[in-house]
Amino acid sequence: MHNSATHDFTIIKAKSTIKKITIDPSEFMADVKAANNTYEGK
C-alpha cells in the first residue's frame, strides 16, 4: 500500500520576485527524493 500526501499553499508575491523556496532544509522528514525539495526562481 502506498500512502502519499500533497500540500498546496499560496504565496502572495509575483513569481519573478521569489529567489528560492526550500522544503525541509534540515532534512528531518523521511523523503525518498530530496532533490525535488527546492525551487529556484529564474
PDB file of N, CA and C in Angstrom:
ATOM      1  N   MET A   1       0.830  -1.174   0.000  1.00  0.00           N
ATOM      2  CA  MET A   1       0.000   0.000   0.000  1.00  0.00           C
ATOM      3  C   MET A   1       0.880   1.244   0.000  1.00  0.00           C
ATOM      4  N   HIS A   2       0.568   2.193  -0.869  1.00  0.00           N
ATOM      5  CA  HIS A   2       1.344   3.423  -0.991  1.00  0.00           C
ATOM      6  C   HIS A   2       0.515   4.579  -0.457  1.00  0.00           C
ATOM      7  N   ASN A   3       1.046   5.285   0.498  1.00  0.00           N
ATOM      8  CA  ASN A   3       0.348   6.425   1.081  1.00  0.00           C
ATOM      9  C   ASN A   3       1.163   7.674   0.783  1.00  0.00           C
ATOM     10  N   SER A   4       0.587   8.607   0.052  1.00  0.00           N
ATOM     11  CA  SER A   4       1.296   9.850  -0.222  1.00  0.00           C
ATOM     12  C   SER A   4       0.383  11.027   0.082  1.00  0.00           C
ATOM     13  N   ALA A   5       0.985  12.117   0.431  1.00  0.00           N
ATOM     14  CA  ALA A   5       0.232  13.321   0.744  1.00  0.00           C
ATOM     15  C   ALA A   5       0.751  14.461  -0.126  1.00  0.00           C
ATOM     16  N   THR A   6      -0.127  15.326  -0.497  1.00  0.00           N
ATOM     17  CA  THR A   6       0.276  16.536  -1.195  1.00  0.00           C
ATOM     18  C   THR A   6      -0.238  17.725  -0.402  1.00  0.00           C
ATOM     19  N   HIS A   7       0.440  18.805  -0.547  1.00  0.00           N
ATOM     20  CA  HIS A   7       0.065  20.027   0.157  1.00  0.00           C
ATOM     21  C   HIS A   7       0.101  21.182  -0.827  1.00  0.00           C
ATOM     22  N   ASP A   8      -0.862  22.049  -0.723  1.00  0.00           N
ATOM     23  CA  ASP A   8      -0.909  23.254  -1.549  1.00  0.00           C
ATOM     24  C   ASP A   8      -0.776  24.468  -0.647  1.00  0.00           C
ATOM     25  N   PHE A   9      -0.132  25.486  -1.158  1.00  0.00           N
ATOM     26  CA  PHE A   9      -0.062  26.745  -0.426  1.00  0.00           C
ATOM     27  C   PHE A   9       0.008  27.879  -1.429  1.00  0.00           C
ATOM     28  N   THR A  10      -0.338  29.049  -0.983  1.00  0.00           N
ATOM     29  CA  THR A  10      -0.352  30.221  -1.846  1.00  0.00           C
ATOM     30  C   THR A  10       0.637  31.244  -1.316  1.00  0.00           C
ATOM     31  N   ILE A  11       1.431  31.772  -2.216  1.00  0.00           N
ATOM     32  CA  ILE A  11       2.366  32.844  -1.880  1.00  0.00           C
ATOM     33  C   ILE A  11       1.877  34.076  -2.623  1.00  0.00           C
ATOM     34  N   ILE A  12       1.615  35.112  -1.876  1.00  0.00           N
ATOM     35  CA  ILE A  12       1.061  36.320  -2.477  1.00  0.00           C
ATOM     36  C   ILE A  12       2.213  37.263  -2.850  1.00  0.00           C
ATOM     37  N   LYS A  13       2.972  36.842  -3.790  1.00  0.00           N
ATOM     38  CA  LYS A  13       4.077  37.609  -4.355  1.00  0.00           C
ATOM     39  C   LYS A  13       4.173  37.233  -5.831  1.00  0.00           C
ATOM     40  N   ALA A  14       4.718  38.123  -6.623  1.00  0.00           N
ATOM     41  CA  ALA A  14       4.955  37.788  -8.028  1.00  0.00           C
ATOM     42  C   ALA A  14       6.017  36.692  -8.092  1.00  0.00           C
ATOM     43  N   LYS A  15       5.790  35.694  -8.931  1.00  0.00           N
ATOM     44  CA  LYS A  15       6.732  34.578  -9.041  1.00  0.00           C
ATOM     45  C   LYS A  15       8.142  35.072  -9.380  1.00  0.00           C
ATOM     46  N   SER A  16       8.224  36.150 -10.125  1.00  0.00           N
ATOM     47  CA  SER A  16       9.529  36.681 -10.513  1.00  0.00           C
ATOM     48  C   SER A  16      10.318  37.244  -9.334  1.00  0.00           C
ATOM     49  N   THR A  17       9.659  37.501  -8.202  1.00  0.00           N
ATOM     50  CA  THR A  17      10.360  38.035  -7.035  1.00  0.00           C
ATOM     51  C   THR A  17      10.866  36.936  -6.097  1.00  0.00           C
ATOM     52  N   ILE A  18      10.476  35.693  -6.339  1.00  0.00           N
ATOM     53  CA  ILE A  18      10.884  34.587  -5.469  1.00  0.00           C
ATOM     54  C   ILE A  18      12.239  34.072  -5.927  1.00  0.00           C
ATOM     55  N   LYS A  19      13.201  34.128  -5.029  1.00  0.00           N
ATOM     56  CA  LYS A  19      14.553  33.654  -5.355  1.00  0.00           C
ATOM     57  C   LYS A  19      14.693  32.164  -5.118  1.00  0.00           C
ATOM     58  N   LYS A  20      14.170  31.692  -3.963  1.00  0.00           N
ATOM     59  CA  LYS A  20      14.343  30.279  -3.640  1.00  0.00           C
ATOM     60  C   LYS A  20      13.331  29.860  -2.580  1.00  0.00           C
ATOM     61  N   ILE A  21      12.792  28.654  -2.731  1.00  0.00           N
ATOM     62  CA  ILE A  21      11.927  28.038  -1.734  1.00  0.00           C
ATOM     63  C   ILE A  21      12.510  26.665  -1.442  1.00  0.00           C
ATOM     64  N   THR A  22      12.739  26.376  -0.163  1.00  0.00           N
ATOM     65  CA  THR A  22      13.256  25.068   0.229  1.00  0.00           C
ATOM     66  C   THR A  22      12.315  24.448   1.244  1.00  0.00           C
ATOM     67  N   ILE A  23      11.890  23.241   0.958  1.00  0.00           N
ATOM     68  CA  ILE A  23      11.054  22.479   1.871  1.00  0.00           C
ATOM     69  C   ILE A  23      11.962  21.514   2.625  1.00  0.00           C
ATOM     70  N   ASP A  24      11.870  21.519   3.931  1.00  0.00           N
ATOM     71  CA  ASP A  24      12.656  20.635   4.794  1.00  0.00           C
ATOM     72  C   ASP A  24      14.168  20.831   4.627  1.00  0.00           C
ATOM     73  N   PRO A  25      14.676  22.046   4.850  1.00  0.00           N
ATOM     74  CA  PRO A  25      16.117  22.270   4.688  1.00  0.00           C
ATOM     75  C   PRO A  25      16.977  21.486   5.676  1.00  0.00           C
ATOM     76  N   SER A  26      16.421  21.097   6.828  1.00  0.00           N
ATOM     77  CA  SER A  26      17.193  20.319   7.803  1.00  0.00           C
ATOM     78  C   SER A  26      17.190  18.830   7.485  1.00  0.00           C
ATOM     79  N   GLU A  27      16.404  18.445   6.449  1.00  0.00           N
ATOM     80  CA  GLU A  27      16.279  17.047   6.021  1.00  0.00           C
ATOM     81  C   GLU A  27      15.825  16.146   7.162  1.00  0.00           C
ATOM     82  N   PHE A  28      14.906  16.652   7.983  1.00  0.00           N
ATOM     83  CA  PHE A  28      14.383  15.909   9.121  1.00  0.00           C
ATOM     84  C   PHE A  28      13.312  14.899   8.708  1.00  0.00           C
ATOM     85  N   MET A  29      12.536  15.228   7.659  1.00  0.00           N
ATOM     86  CA  MET A  29      11.456  14.338   7.219  1.00  0.00           C
ATOM     87  C   MET A  29      12.015  13.190   6.379  1.00  0.00           C
ATOM     88  N   ALA A  30      11.350  12.062   6.467  1.00  0.00           N
ATOM     89  CA  ALA A  30      11.706  10.939   5.599  1.00  0.00           C
ATOM     90  C   ALA A  30      11.310  11.325   4.177  1.00  0.00           C
ATOM     91  N   ASP A  31      12.235  11.262   3.275  1.00  0.00           N
ATOM     92  CA  ASP A  31      11.978  11.729   1.916  1.00  0.00           C
ATOM     93  C   ASP A  31      12.769  10.867   0.947  1.00  0.00           C
ATOM     94  N   VAL A  32      12.086  10.247  -0.003  1.00  0.00           N
ATOM     95  CA  VAL A  32      12.775   9.379  -0.953  1.00  0.00           C
ATOM     96  C   VAL A  32      13.415  10.154  -2.093  1.00  0.00           C
ATOM     97  N   LYS A  33      13.012  11.425  -2.273  1.00  0.00           N
ATOM     98  CA  LYS A  33      13.566  12.215  -3.369  1.00  0.00           C
ATOM     99  C   LYS A  33      13.832  13.647  -2.888  1.00  0.00           C
ATOM    100  N   ALA A  34      14.868  13.820  -2.118  1.00  0.00           N
ATOM    101  CA  ALA A  34      15.208  15.131  -1.564  1.00  0.00           C
ATOM    102  C   ALA A  34      15.575  16.149  -2.636  1.00  0.00           C
ATOM    103  N   ALA A  35      15.937  15.675  -3.811  1.00  0.00           N
ATOM    104  CA  ALA A  35      16.355  16.578  -4.887  1.00  0.00           C
ATOM    105  C   ALA A  35      15.230  17.500  -5.355  1.00  0.00           C
ATOM    106  N   ASN A  36      13.983  17.144  -5.096  1.00  0.00           N
ATOM    107  CA  ASN A  36      12.882  17.988  -5.546  1.00  0.00           C
ATOM    108  C   ASN A  36      12.311  18.872  -4.419  1.00  0.00           C
ATOM    109  N   ASN A  37      13.098  19.121  -3.392  1.00  0.00           N
ATOM    110  CA  ASN A  37      12.641  19.935  -2.267  1.00  0.00           C
ATOM    111  C   ASN A  37      12.955  21.416  -2.417  1.00  0.00           C
ATOM    112  N   THR A  38      13.580  21.802  -3.519  1.00  0.00           N
ATOM    113  CA  THR A  38      13.976  23.192  -3.709  1.00  0.00           C
ATOM    114  C   THR A  38      13.484  23.712  -5.046  1.00  0.00           C
ATOM    115  N   TYR A  39      12.950  24.943  -4.979  1.00  0.00           N
ATOM    116  CA  TYR A  39      12.589  25.666  -6.200  1.00  0.00           C
ATOM    117  C   TYR A  39      13.485  26.898  -6.249  1.00  0.00           C
ATOM    118  N   GLU A  40      14.165  27.100  -7.346  1.00  0.00           N
ATOM    119  CA  GLU A  40      14.964  28.310  -7.527  1.00  0.00           C
ATOM    120  C   GLU A  40      14.391  29.089  -8.681  1.00  0.00           C
ATOM    121  N   GLY A  41      14.037  30.342  -8.407  1.00  0.00           N
ATOM    122  CA  GLY A  41      13.475  31.212  -9.435  1.00  0.00           C
ATOM    123  C   GLY A  41      14.482  31.509 -10.525  1.00  0.00           C
ATOM    124  N   LYS A  42      13.960  31.942 -11.640  1.00  0.00           N
ATOM    125  CA  LYS A  42      14.841  32.215 -12.783  1.00  0.00           C
ATOM    126  C   LYS A  42      14.971  33.696 -13.008  1.00  0.00           C
TER     127      LYS A  42
END
